[in-house]
Amino acid sequence: MNAHINIEPAGGAVKVVFNGVIVAESRRALVLHEGSYPPTHYIPSADVHMEHLSHTSHHSHCPHKGDASYWTLSVGGLSVENAVWSYQEPIEAVAAIKGHMAFYADKVDAIQESE
């Protein structure tokens, strides 16, 4: 694995809240540590309430993870474009995040981890 990236299971349940509504909740989330960036929670897409997401045409590329796809998050009339991303075909070194989604912490109410 890339020396700058470490992936580990989250310590308990992870919940993402947007506009007062739980949009993702999982006991199977992963935490990705990459260099000096804040840790990022990756939640299995099966544990994300996909009815609140709509795929966008935005894409980005990370040399350490691969190509990312993005979704707009919408709840109760409030929408935030490209608030959620996923590496649908990540590079082999970070294959554990395949099928997982991440939320920008500054675009949601909270990302909470509890036991």
PDB file of N, CA and C in Angstrom:
ATOM      1  N   MET A   1       0.851  -1.187   0.000  1.00  0.00           N
ATOM      2  CA  MET A   1       0.000   0.000   0.000  1.00  0.00           C
ATOM      3  C   MET A   1       0.889   1.241   0.000  1.00  0.00           C
ATOM      4  N   ASN A   2       0.381   2.291  -0.562  1.00  0.00           N
ATOM      5  CA  ASN A   2       1.094   3.566  -0.608  1.00  0.00           C
ATOM      6  C   ASN A   2       1.484   3.972   0.813  1.00  0.00           C
ATOM      7  N   ALA A   3       2.725   4.375   0.991  1.00  0.00           N
ATOM      8  CA  ALA A   3       3.219   4.726   2.324  1.00  0.00           C
ATOM      9  C   ALA A   3       2.476   5.910   2.937  1.00  0.00           C
ATOM     10  N   HIS A   4       1.821   6.711   2.104  1.00  0.00           N
ATOM     11  CA  HIS A   4       1.148   7.902   2.605  1.00  0.00           C
ATOM     12  C   HIS A   4      -0.328   7.663   2.913  1.00  0.00           C
ATOM     13  N   ILE A   5      -0.838   6.475   2.599  1.00  0.00           N
ATOM     14  CA  ILE A   5      -2.260   6.180   2.812  1.00  0.00           C
ATOM     15  C   ILE A   5      -2.407   4.958   3.708  1.00  0.00           C
ATOM     16  N   ASN A   6      -3.264   5.088   4.709  1.00  0.00           N
ATOM     17  CA  ASN A   6      -3.574   3.980   5.601  1.00  0.00           C
ATOM     18  C   ASN A   6      -5.095   3.878   5.701  1.00  0.00           C
ATOM     19  N   ILE A   7      -5.624   2.667   5.563  1.00  0.00           N
ATOM     20  CA  ILE A   7      -7.073   2.444   5.656  1.00  0.00           C
ATOM     21  C   ILE A   7      -7.321   1.467   6.784  1.00  0.00           C
ATOM     22  N   GLU A   8      -8.268   1.829   7.659  1.00  0.00           N
ATOM     23  CA  GLU A   8      -8.607   0.973   8.793  1.00  0.00           C
ATOM     24  C   GLU A   8     -10.107   1.024   9.044  1.00  0.00           C
ATOM     25  N   PRO A   9     -10.648   0.000   9.709  1.00  0.00           N
ATOM     26  CA  PRO A   9     -12.080   0.053  10.049  1.00  0.00           C
ATOM     27  C   PRO A   9     -12.351   1.201  11.018  1.00  0.00           C
ATOM     28  N   ALA A  10     -13.505   1.843  10.869  1.00  0.00           N
ATOM     29  CA  ALA A  10     -13.919   2.869  11.840  1.00  0.00           C
ATOM     30  C   ALA A  10     -14.115   2.199  13.192  1.00  0.00           C
ATOM     31  N   GLY A  11     -13.978   2.964  14.249  1.00  0.00           N
ATOM     32  CA  GLY A  11     -14.041   2.415  15.597  1.00  0.00           C
ATOM     33  C   GLY A  11     -15.425   2.006  16.067  1.00  0.00           C
ATOM     34  N   GLY A  12     -16.449   2.289  15.300  1.00  0.00           N
ATOM     35  CA  GLY A  12     -17.810   1.951  15.694  1.00  0.00           C
ATOM     36  C   GLY A  12     -18.768   2.325  14.593  1.00  0.00           C
ATOM     37  N   ALA A  13     -19.912   2.863  14.976  1.00  0.00           N
ATOM     38  CA  ALA A  13     -20.906   3.290  13.989  1.00  0.00           C
ATOM     39  C   ALA A  13     -20.563   4.686  13.481  1.00  0.00           C
ATOM     40  N   VAL A  14     -20.770   4.885  12.191  1.00  0.00           N
ATOM     41  CA  VAL A  14     -20.564   6.205  11.583  1.00  0.00           C
ATOM     42  C   VAL A  14     -21.903   6.663  11.018  1.00  0.00           C
ATOM     43  N   LYS A  15     -22.255   7.911  11.323  1.00  0.00           N
ATOM     44  CA  LYS A  15     -23.524   8.481  10.871  1.00  0.00           C
ATOM     45  C   LYS A  15     -23.234   9.820  10.215  1.00  0.00           C
ATOM     46  N   VAL A  16     -23.871  10.055   9.047  1.00  0.00           N
ATOM     47  CA  VAL A  16     -23.748  11.327   8.353  1.00  0.00           C
ATOM     48  C   VAL A  16     -25.117  12.002   8.374  1.00  0.00           C
ATOM     49  N   VAL A  17     -25.150  13.259   8.826  1.00  0.00           N
ATOM     50  CA  VAL A  17     -26.386  14.017   8.933  1.00  0.00           C
ATOM     51  C   VAL A  17     -26.307  15.226   8.001  1.00  0.00           C
ATOM     52  N   PHE A  18     -27.376  15.421   7.214  1.00  0.00           N
ATOM     53  CA  PHE A  18     -27.459  16.573   6.325  1.00  0.00           C
ATOM     54  C   PHE A  18     -28.858  17.157   6.415  1.00  0.00           C
ATOM     55  N   ASN A  19     -28.944  18.451   6.649  1.00  0.00           N
ATOM     56  CA  ASN A  19     -30.219  19.159   6.802  1.00  0.00           C
ATOM     57  C   ASN A  19     -31.110  18.443   7.826  1.00  0.00           C
ATOM     58  N   GLY A  20     -30.482  17.966   8.908  1.00  0.00           N
ATOM     59  CA  GLY A  20     -31.207  17.339  10.012  1.00  0.00           C
ATOM     60  C   GLY A  20     -31.635  15.899   9.776  1.00  0.00           C
ATOM     61  N   VAL A  21     -31.251  15.304   8.634  1.00  0.00           N
ATOM     62  CA  VAL A  21     -31.670  13.944   8.285  1.00  0.00           C
ATOM     63  C   VAL A  21     -30.434  13.042   8.184  1.00  0.00           C
ATOM     64  N   ILE A  22     -30.540  11.818   8.705  1.00  0.00           N
ATOM     65  CA  ILE A  22     -29.455  10.849   8.561  1.00  0.00           C
ATOM     66  C   ILE A  22     -29.444  10.371   7.115  1.00  0.00           C
ATOM     67  N   VAL A  23     -28.340  10.626   6.408  1.00  0.00           N
ATOM     68  CA  VAL A  23     -28.239  10.239   4.994  1.00  0.00           C
ATOM     69  C   VAL A  23     -27.338   9.022   4.796  1.00  0.00           C
ATOM     70  N   ALA A  24     -26.613   8.639   5.847  1.00  0.00           N
ATOM     71  CA  ALA A  24     -25.788   7.435   5.810  1.00  0.00           C
ATOM     72  C   ALA A  24     -25.547   6.992   7.245  1.00  0.00           C
ATOM     73  N   GLU A  25     -25.533   5.674   7.430  1.00  0.00           N
ATOM     74  CA  GLU A  25     -25.295   5.122   8.762  1.00  0.00           C
ATOM     75  C   GLU A  25     -24.728   3.720   8.587  1.00  0.00           C
ATOM     76  N   SER A  26     -23.563   3.469   9.215  1.00  0.00           N
ATOM     77  CA  SER A  26     -22.903   2.193   8.981  1.00  0.00           C
ATOM     78  C   SER A  26     -22.035   1.772  10.155  1.00  0.00           C
ATOM     79  N   ARG A  27     -21.941   0.476  10.361  1.00  0.00           N
ATOM     80  CA  ARG A  27     -20.971  -0.109  11.285  1.00  0.00           C
ATOM     81  C   ARG A  27     -19.829  -0.739  10.496  1.00  0.00           C
ATOM     82  N   ARG A  28     -19.851  -0.549   9.166  1.00  0.00           N
ATOM     83  CA  ARG A  28     -18.835  -1.150   8.290  1.00  0.00           C
ATOM     84  C   ARG A  28     -17.971  -0.091   7.602  1.00  0.00           C
ATOM     85  N   ALA A  29     -17.992   1.129   8.093  1.00  0.00           N
ATOM     86  CA  ALA A  29     -17.238   2.217   7.467  1.00  0.00           C
ATOM     87  C   ALA A  29     -15.731   2.023   7.642  1.00  0.00           C
ATOM     88  N   LEU A  30     -15.000   2.607   6.726  1.00  0.00           N
ATOM     89  CA  LEU A  30     -13.545   2.622   6.782  1.00  0.00           C
ATOM     90  C   LEU A  30     -13.075   4.056   7.002  1.00  0.00           C
ATOM     91  N   VAL A  31     -11.902   4.199   7.600  1.00  0.00           N
ATOM     92  CA  VAL A  31     -11.289   5.512   7.761  1.00  0.00           C
ATOM     93  C   VAL A  31      -9.990   5.504   6.966  1.00  0.00           C
ATOM     94  N   LEU A  32      -9.874   6.475   6.057  1.00  0.00           N
ATOM     95  CA  LEU A  32      -8.680   6.600   5.232  1.00  0.00           C
ATOM     96  C   LEU A  32      -7.854   7.773   5.742  1.00  0.00           C
ATOM     97  N   HIS A  33      -6.590   7.495   6.040  1.00  0.00           N
ATOM     98  CA  HIS A  33      -5.639   8.525   6.478  1.00  0.00           C
ATOM     99  C   HIS A  33      -4.679   8.740   5.318  1.00  0.00           C
ATOM    100  N   GLU A  34      -4.571   9.993   4.883  1.00  0.00           N
ATOM    101  CA  GLU A  34      -3.700  10.314   3.748  1.00  0.00           C
ATOM    102  C   GLU A  34      -2.877  11.547   4.076  1.00  0.00           C
ATOM    103  N   GLY A  35      -1.592  11.335   4.308  1.00  0.00           N
ATOM    104  CA  GLY A  35      -0.681  12.441   4.581  1.00  0.00           C
ATOM    105  C   GLY A  35      -1.184  13.353   5.680  1.00  0.00           C
ATOM    106  N   SER A  36      -1.183  14.653   5.404  1.00  0.00           N
ATOM    107  CA  SER A  36      -1.605  15.640   6.400  1.00  0.00           C
ATOM    108  C   SER A  36      -3.095  15.973   6.319  1.00  0.00           C
ATOM    109  N   TYR A  37      -3.845  15.298   5.412  1.00  0.00           N
ATOM    110  CA  TYR A  37      -5.285  15.561   5.294  1.00  0.00           C
ATOM    111  C   TYR A  37      -6.025  15.006   6.506  1.00  0.00           C
ATOM    112  N   PRO A  38      -7.167  15.612   6.854  1.00  0.00           N
ATOM    113  CA  PRO A  38      -7.977  15.034   7.942  1.00  0.00           C
ATOM    114  C   PRO A  38      -8.445  13.634   7.545  1.00  0.00           C
ATOM    115  N   PRO A  39      -8.633  12.734   8.509  1.00  0.00           N
ATOM    116  CA  PRO A  39      -9.139  11.392   8.186  1.00  0.00           C
ATOM    117  C   PRO A  39     -10.483  11.487   7.459  1.00  0.00           C
ATOM    118  N   THR A  40     -10.701  10.590   6.507  1.00  0.00           N
ATOM    119  CA  THR A  40     -11.940  10.575   5.727  1.00  0.00           C
ATOM    120  C   THR A  40     -12.661   9.254   5.937  1.00  0.00           C
ATOM    121  N   HIS A  41     -13.952   9.334   6.261  1.00  0.00           N
ATOM    122  CA  HIS A  41     -14.772   8.135   6.406  1.00  0.00           C
ATOM    123  C   HIS A  41     -15.306   7.714   5.044  1.00  0.00           C
ATOM    124  N   TYR A  42     -15.134   6.445   4.720  1.00  0.00           N
ATOM    125  CA  TYR A  42     -15.691   5.845   3.505  1.00  0.00           C
ATOM    126  C   TYR A  42     -16.749   4.840   3.951  1.00  0.00           C
ATOM    127  N   ILE A  43     -17.981   5.084   3.522  1.00  0.00           N
ATOM    128  CA  ILE A  43     -19.141   4.297   3.960  1.00  0.00           C
ATOM    129  C   ILE A  43     -19.605   3.412   2.814  1.00  0.00           C
ATOM    130  N   PRO A  44     -19.857   2.124   3.080  1.00  0.00           N
ATOM    131  CA  PRO A  44     -20.359   1.261   2.004  1.00  0.00           C
ATOM    132  C   PRO A  44     -21.614   1.875   1.376  1.00  0.00           C
ATOM    133  N   SER A  45     -21.681   1.866   0.049  1.00  0.00           N
ATOM    134  CA  SER A  45     -22.830   2.485  -0.621  1.00  0.00           C
ATOM    135  C   SER A  45     -24.147   1.846  -0.206  1.00  0.00           C
ATOM    136  N   ALA A  46     -24.119   0.591   0.207  1.00  0.00           N
ATOM    137  CA  ALA A  46     -25.340  -0.070   0.682  1.00  0.00           C
ATOM    138  C   ALA A  46     -25.873   0.573   1.961  1.00  0.00           C
ATOM    139  N   ASP A  47     -25.018   1.309   2.678  1.00  0.00           N
ATOM    140  CA  ASP A  47     -25.413   1.965   3.932  1.00  0.00           C
ATOM    141  C   ASP A  47     -25.667   3.464   3.750  1.00  0.00           C
ATOM    142  N   VAL A  48     -25.703   3.909   2.492  1.00  0.00           N
ATOM    143  CA  VAL A  48     -25.995   5.308   2.162  1.00  0.00           C
ATOM    144  C   VAL A  48     -27.411   5.374   1.608  1.00  0.00           C
ATOM    145  N   HIS A  49     -28.191   6.345   2.075  1.00  0.00           N
ATOM    146  CA  HIS A  49     -29.568   6.510   1.592  1.00  0.00           C
ATOM    147  C   HIS A  49     -29.509   7.176   0.216  1.00  0.00           C
ATOM    148  N   MET A  50     -29.402   6.334  -0.816  1.00  0.00           N
ATOM    149  CA  MET A  50     -29.153   6.807  -2.180  1.00  0.00           C
ATOM    150  C   MET A  50     -30.281   7.681  -2.738  1.00  0.00           C
ATOM    151  N   GLU A  51     -31.457   7.628  -2.132  1.00  0.00           N
ATOM    152  CA  GLU A  51     -32.564   8.472  -2.618  1.00  0.00           C
ATOM    153  C   GLU A  51     -32.256   9.958  -2.426  1.00  0.00           C
ATOM    154  N   HIS A  52     -31.255  10.267  -1.612  1.00  0.00           N
ATOM    155  CA  HIS A  52     -30.869  11.660  -1.383  1.00  0.00           C
ATOM    156  C   HIS A  52     -29.732  12.118  -2.303  1.00  0.00           C
ATOM    157  N   LEU A  53     -29.268  11.212  -3.176  1.00  0.00           N
ATOM    158  CA  LEU A  53     -28.131  11.524  -4.033  1.00  0.00           C
ATOM    159  C   LEU A  53     -28.514  11.524  -5.498  1.00  0.00           C
ATOM    160  N   SER A  54     -27.889  12.413  -6.257  1.00  0.00           N
ATOM    161  CA  SER A  54     -28.022  12.391  -7.713  1.00  0.00           C
ATOM    162  C   SER A  54     -26.634  12.562  -8.316  1.00  0.00           C
ATOM    163  N   HIS A  55     -26.297  11.657  -9.219  1.00  0.00           N
ATOM    164  CA  HIS A  55     -24.974  11.625  -9.838  1.00  0.00           C
ATOM    165  C   HIS A  55     -24.753  12.902 -10.635  1.00  0.00           C
ATOM    166  N   THR A  56     -23.539  13.447 -10.580  1.00  0.00           N
ATOM    167  CA  THR A  56     -23.198  14.627 -11.371  1.00  0.00           C
ATOM    168  C   THR A  56     -22.175  14.224 -12.434  1.00  0.00           C
ATOM    169  N   SER A  57     -21.875  15.147 -13.312  1.00  0.00           N
ATOM    170  CA  SER A  57     -20.896  14.868 -14.366  1.00  0.00           C
ATOM    171  C   SER A  57     -19.465  15.172 -13.910  1.00  0.00           C
ATOM    172  N   HIS A  58     -19.305  15.685 -12.683  1.00  0.00           N
ATOM    173  CA  HIS A  58     -17.984  16.050 -12.179  1.00  0.00           C
ATOM    174  C   HIS A  58     -17.141  14.801 -11.900  1.00  0.00           C
ATOM    175  N   HIS A  59     -15.870  14.870 -12.260  1.00  0.00           N
ATOM    176  CA  HIS A  59     -14.918  13.803 -11.972  1.00  0.00           C
ATOM    177  C   HIS A  59     -13.599  14.445 -11.562  1.00  0.00           C
ATOM    178  N   SER A  60     -12.811  13.708 -10.812  1.00  0.00           N
ATOM    179  CA  SER A  60     -11.465  14.170 -10.481  1.00  0.00           C
ATOM    180  C   SER A  60     -10.540  12.959 -10.477  1.00  0.00           C
ATOM    181  N   HIS A  61      -9.245  13.238 -10.481  1.00  0.00           N
ATOM    182  CA  HIS A  61      -8.271  12.154 -10.480  1.00  0.00           C
ATOM    183  C   HIS A  61      -7.258  12.377  -9.357  1.00  0.00           C
ATOM    184  N   CYS A  62      -7.013  11.324  -8.596  1.00  0.00           N
ATOM    185  CA  CYS A  62      -5.978  11.328  -7.567  1.00  0.00           C
ATOM    186  C   CYS A  62      -4.947  10.278  -7.963  1.00  0.00           C
ATOM    187  N   PRO A  63      -3.683  10.633  -8.017  1.00  0.00           N
ATOM    188  CA  PRO A  63      -2.675   9.649  -8.416  1.00  0.00           C
ATOM    189  C   PRO A  63      -2.539   8.492  -7.430  1.00  0.00           C
ATOM    190  N   HIS A  64      -3.016   8.671  -6.201  1.00  0.00           N
ATOM    191  CA  HIS A  64      -2.903   7.629  -5.174  1.00  0.00           C
ATOM    192  C   HIS A  64      -4.155   6.765  -5.039  1.00  0.00           C
ATOM    193  N   LYS A  65      -5.293   7.259  -5.571  1.00  0.00           N
ATOM    194  CA  LYS A  65      -6.553   6.520  -5.403  1.00  0.00           C
ATOM    195  C   LYS A  65      -7.261   6.213  -6.717  1.00  0.00           C
ATOM    196  N   GLY A  66      -7.084   7.038  -7.730  1.00  0.00           N
ATOM    197  CA  GLY A  66      -7.731   6.812  -9.023  1.00  0.00           C
ATOM    198  C   GLY A  66      -8.713   7.916  -9.370  1.00  0.00           C
ATOM    199  N   ASP A  67      -9.723   7.554 -10.167  1.00  0.00           N
ATOM    200  CA  ASP A  67     -10.723   8.510 -10.645  1.00  0.00           C
ATOM    201  C   ASP A  67     -11.951   8.506  -9.738  1.00  0.00           C
ATOM    202  N   ALA A  68     -12.375   9.692  -9.322  1.00  0.00           N
ATOM    203  CA  ALA A  68     -13.531   9.828  -8.431  1.00  0.00           C
ATOM    204  C   ALA A  68     -14.741  10.336  -9.201  1.00  0.00           C
ATOM    205  N   SER A  69     -15.903   9.790  -8.843  1.00  0.00           N
ATOM    206  CA  SER A  69     -17.194  10.270  -9.339  1.00  0.00           C
ATOM    207  C   SER A  69     -17.882  10.998  -8.190  1.00  0.00           C
ATOM    208  N   TYR A  70     -18.817  11.911  -8.535  1.00  0.00           N
ATOM    209  CA  TYR A  70     -19.438  12.775  -7.526  1.00  0.00           C
ATOM    210  C   TYR A  70     -20.962  12.753  -7.598  1.00  0.00           C
ATOM    211  N   TRP A  71     -21.581  13.092  -6.454  1.00  0.00           N
ATOM    212  CA  TRP A  71     -23.034  13.157  -6.333  1.00  0.00           C
ATOM    213  C   TRP A  71     -23.441  14.434  -5.615  1.00  0.00           C
ATOM    214  N   THR A  72     -24.601  14.960  -5.994  1.00  0.00           N
ATOM    215  CA  THR A  72     -25.228  16.059  -5.275  1.00  0.00           C
ATOM    216  C   THR A  72     -26.086  15.452  -4.176  1.00  0.00           C
ATOM    217  N   LEU A  73     -26.059  16.063  -3.011  1.00  0.00           N
ATOM    218  CA  LEU A  73     -26.821  15.624  -1.850  1.00  0.00           C
ATOM    219  C   LEU A  73     -28.016  16.555  -1.685  1.00  0.00           C
ATOM    220  N   SER A  74     -29.238  15.990  -1.609  1.00  0.00           N
ATOM    221  CA  SER A  74     -30.463  16.795  -1.501  1.00  0.00           C
ATOM    222  C   SER A  74     -31.377  16.230  -0.418  1.00  0.00           C
ATOM    223  N   VAL A  75     -31.787  17.103   0.499  1.00  0.00           N
ATOM    224  CA  VAL A  75     -32.722  16.726   1.563  1.00  0.00           C
ATOM    225  C   VAL A  75     -33.617  17.928   1.857  1.00  0.00           C
ATOM    226  N   GLY A  76     -34.918  17.727   1.820  1.00  0.00           N
ATOM    227  CA  GLY A  76     -35.865  18.755   2.236  1.00  0.00           C
ATOM    228  C   GLY A  76     -35.704  20.081   1.519  1.00  0.00           C
ATOM    229  N   GLY A  77     -35.412  20.056   0.232  1.00  0.00           N
ATOM    230  CA  GLY A  77     -35.283  21.280  -0.537  1.00  0.00           C
ATOM    231  C   GLY A  77     -33.897  21.910  -0.495  1.00  0.00           C
ATOM    232  N   LEU A  78     -32.993  21.378   0.322  1.00  0.00           N
ATOM    233  CA  LEU A  78     -31.624  21.885   0.380  1.00  0.00           C
ATOM    234  C   LEU A  78     -30.715  20.933  -0.383  1.00  0.00           C
ATOM    235  N   SER A  79     -29.924  21.466  -1.322  1.00  0.00           N
ATOM    236  CA  SER A  79     -29.010  20.647  -2.116  1.00  0.00           C
ATOM    237  C   SER A  79     -27.606  21.224  -2.066  1.00  0.00           C
ATOM    238  N   VAL A  80     -26.626  20.316  -2.068  1.00  0.00           N
ATOM    239  CA  VAL A  80     -25.221  20.711  -2.152  1.00  0.00           C
ATOM    240  C   VAL A  80     -24.588  19.874  -3.251  1.00  0.00           C
ATOM    241  N   GLU A  81     -24.127  20.578  -4.292  1.00  0.00           N
ATOM    242  CA  GLU A  81     -23.552  19.895  -5.445  1.00  0.00           C
ATOM    243  C   GLU A  81     -22.183  19.299  -5.106  1.00  0.00           C
ATOM    244  N   ASN A  82     -21.943  18.100  -5.617  1.00  0.00           N
ATOM    245  CA  ASN A  82     -20.662  17.401  -5.469  1.00  0.00           C
ATOM    246  C   ASN A  82     -20.231  17.270  -4.007  1.00  0.00           C
ATOM    247  N   ALA A  83     -21.178  16.971  -3.137  1.00  0.00           N
ATOM    248  CA  ALA A  83     -20.900  16.821  -1.706  1.00  0.00           C
ATOM    249  C   ALA A  83     -20.420  15.423  -1.345  1.00  0.00           C
ATOM    250  N   VAL A  84     -20.601  14.479  -2.277  1.00  0.00           N
ATOM    251  CA  VAL A  84     -20.298  13.070  -2.024  1.00  0.00           C
ATOM    252  C   VAL A  84     -19.441  12.562  -3.174  1.00  0.00           C
ATOM    253  N   TRP A  85     -18.452  11.723  -2.851  1.00  0.00           N
ATOM    254  CA  TRP A  85     -17.648  11.141  -3.921  1.00  0.00           C
ATOM    255  C   TRP A  85     -17.355   9.677  -3.647  1.00  0.00           C
ATOM    256  N   SER A  86     -16.928   9.002  -4.716  1.00  0.00           N
ATOM    257  CA  SER A  86     -16.586   7.587  -4.621  1.00  0.00           C
ATOM    258  C   SER A  86     -15.554   7.252  -5.681  1.00  0.00           C
ATOM    259  N   TYR A  87     -14.638   6.376  -5.311  1.00  0.00           N
ATOM    260  CA  TYR A  87     -13.694   5.807  -6.284  1.00  0.00           C
ATOM    261  C   TYR A  87     -14.274   4.459  -6.685  1.00  0.00           C
ATOM    262  N   GLN A  88     -14.994   4.426  -7.785  1.00  0.00           N
ATOM    263  CA  GLN A  88     -15.702   3.214  -8.188  1.00  0.00           C
ATOM    264  C   GLN A  88     -14.757   2.126  -8.672  1.00  0.00           C
ATOM    265  N   GLU A  89     -13.607   2.524  -9.209  1.00  0.00           N
ATOM    266  CA  GLU A  89     -12.568   1.586  -9.623  1.00  0.00           C
ATOM    267  C   GLU A  89     -11.225   2.099  -9.095  1.00  0.00           C
ATOM    268  N   PRO A  90     -11.018   2.051  -7.765  1.00  0.00           N
ATOM    269  CA  PRO A  90      -9.780   2.604  -7.204  1.00  0.00           C
ATOM    270  C   PRO A  90      -8.563   1.781  -7.630  1.00  0.00           C
ATOM    271  N   ILE A  91      -7.398   2.406  -7.521  1.00  0.00           N
ATOM    272  CA  ILE A  91      -6.185   1.656  -7.825  1.00  0.00           C
ATOM    273  C   ILE A  91      -6.018   0.555  -6.771  1.00  0.00           C
ATOM    274  N   GLU A  92      -5.236  -0.444  -7.129  1.00  0.00           N
ATOM    275  CA  GLU A  92      -5.122  -1.650  -6.298  1.00  0.00           C
ATOM    276  C   GLU A  92      -4.692  -1.373  -4.858  1.00  0.00           C
ATOM    277  N   ALA A  93      -3.823  -0.394  -4.661  1.00  0.00           N
ATOM    278  CA  ALA A  93      -3.306  -0.106  -3.319  1.00  0.00           C
ATOM    279  C   ALA A  93      -4.391   0.326  -2.333  1.00  0.00           C
ATOM    280  N   VAL A  94      -5.508   0.849  -2.855  1.00  0.00           N
ATOM    281  CA  VAL A  94      -6.601   1.293  -1.984  1.00  0.00           C
ATOM    282  C   VAL A  94      -7.907   0.588  -2.362  1.00  0.00           C
ATOM    283  N   ALA A  95      -7.790  -0.640  -2.827  1.00  0.00           N
ATOM    284  CA  ALA A  95      -8.959  -1.399  -3.289  1.00  0.00           C
ATOM    285  C   ALA A  95     -10.038  -1.529  -2.221  1.00  0.00           C
ATOM    286  N   ALA A  96      -9.689  -1.401  -0.947  1.00  0.00           N
ATOM    287  CA  ALA A  96     -10.659  -1.539   0.145  1.00  0.00           C
ATOM    288  C   ALA A  96     -11.782  -0.509   0.062  1.00  0.00           C
ATOM    289  N   ILE A  97     -11.536   0.656  -0.563  1.00  0.00           N
ATOM    290  CA  ILE A  97     -12.581   1.694  -0.616  1.00  0.00           C
ATOM    291  C   ILE A  97     -13.540   1.516  -1.793  1.00  0.00           C
ATOM    292  N   LYS A  98     -13.316   0.503  -2.614  1.00  0.00           N
ATOM    293  CA  LYS A  98     -14.247   0.248  -3.722  1.00  0.00           C
ATOM    294  C   LYS A  98     -15.632  -0.024  -3.144  1.00  0.00           C
ATOM    295  N   GLY A  99     -16.647   0.564  -3.765  1.00  0.00           N
ATOM    296  CA  GLY A  99     -18.017   0.373  -3.277  1.00  0.00           C
ATOM    297  C   GLY A  99     -18.357   1.220  -2.062  1.00  0.00           C
ATOM    298  N   HIS A 100     -17.491   2.157  -1.722  1.00  0.00           N
ATOM    299  CA  HIS A 100     -17.712   3.041  -0.581  1.00  0.00           C
ATOM    300  C   HIS A 100     -17.869   4.480  -1.068  1.00  0.00           C
ATOM    301  N   MET A 101     -18.529   5.296  -0.244  1.00  0.00           N
ATOM    302  CA  MET A 101     -18.762   6.705  -0.565  1.00  0.00           C
ATOM    303  C   MET A 101     -18.266   7.563   0.594  1.00  0.00           C
ATOM    304  N   ALA A 102     -17.802   8.765   0.245  1.00  0.00           N
ATOM    305  CA  ALA A 102     -17.317   9.700   1.259  1.00  0.00           C
ATOM    306  C   ALA A 102     -18.059  11.023   1.114  1.00  0.00           C
ATOM    307  N   PHE A 103     -18.201  11.724   2.230  1.00  0.00           N
ATOM    308  CA  PHE A 103     -18.927  12.997   2.295  1.00  0.00           C
ATOM    309  C   PHE A 103     -17.956  14.087   2.729  1.00  0.00           C
ATOM    310  N   TYR A 104     -18.022  15.246   2.058  1.00  0.00           N
ATOM    311  CA  TYR A 104     -17.218  16.384   2.499  1.00  0.00           C
ATOM    312  C   TYR A 104     -17.758  16.864   3.841  1.00  0.00           C
ATOM    313  N   ALA A 105     -16.899  16.883   4.856  1.00  0.00           N
ATOM    314  CA  ALA A 105     -17.319  17.261   6.206  1.00  0.00           C
ATOM    315  C   ALA A 105     -17.883  18.675   6.259  1.00  0.00           C
ATOM    316  N   ASP A 106     -17.374  19.571   5.410  1.00  0.00           N
ATOM    317  CA  ASP A 106     -17.851  20.959   5.451  1.00  0.00           C
ATOM    318  C   ASP A 106     -19.114  21.176   4.623  1.00  0.00           C
ATOM    319  N   LYS A 107     -19.645  20.110   4.017  1.00  0.00           N
ATOM    320  CA  LYS A 107     -20.870  20.235   3.222  1.00  0.00           C
ATOM    321  C   LYS A 107     -22.056  19.504   3.858  1.00  0.00           C
ATOM    322  N   VAL A 108     -21.834  18.881   5.017  1.00  0.00           N
ATOM    323  CA  VAL A 108     -22.910  18.202   5.745  1.00  0.00           C
ATOM    324  C   VAL A 108     -22.977  18.775   7.163  1.00  0.00           C
ATOM    325  N   ASP A 109     -24.069  18.458   7.872  1.00  0.00           N
ATOM    326  CA  ASP A 109     -24.204  18.938   9.252  1.00  0.00           C
ATOM    327  C   ASP A 109     -23.149  18.295  10.148  1.00  0.00           C
ATOM    328  N   ALA A 110     -22.979  16.972   9.998  1.00  0.00           N
ATOM    329  CA  ALA A 110     -22.069  16.243  10.881  1.00  0.00           C
ATOM    330  C   ALA A 110     -21.720  14.888  10.299  1.00  0.00           C
ATOM    331  N   ILE A 111     -20.511  14.463  10.607  1.00  0.00           N
ATOM    332  CA  ILE A 111     -20.098  13.066  10.408  1.00  0.00           C
ATOM    333  C   ILE A 111     -19.688  12.605  11.796  1.00  0.00           C
ATOM    334  N   GLN A 112     -20.483  11.707  12.374  1.00  0.00           N
ATOM    335  CA  GLN A 112     -20.306  11.308  13.760  1.00  0.00           C
ATOM    336  C   GLN A 112     -19.891   9.852  13.838  1.00  0.00           C
ATOM    337  N   GLU A 113     -18.926   9.581  14.716  1.00  0.00           N
ATOM    338  CA  GLU A 113     -18.504   8.211  14.984  1.00  0.00           C
ATOM    339  C   GLU A 113     -18.825   7.913  16.435  1.00  0.00           C
ATOM    340  N   SER A 114     -19.472   6.778  16.679  1.00  0.00           N
ATOM    341  CA  SER A 114     -19.815   6.382  18.051  1.00  0.00           C
ATOM    342  C   SER A 114     -19.627   4.879  18.190  1.00  0.00           C
ATOM    343  N   GLU A 115     -19.635   4.419  19.410  1.00  0.00           N
ATOM    344  CA  GLU A 115     -19.445   2.983  19.661  1.00  0.00           C
ATOM    345  C   GLU A 115     -20.664   2.172  19.311  1.00  0.00           C
TER     346      GLU A 115
END
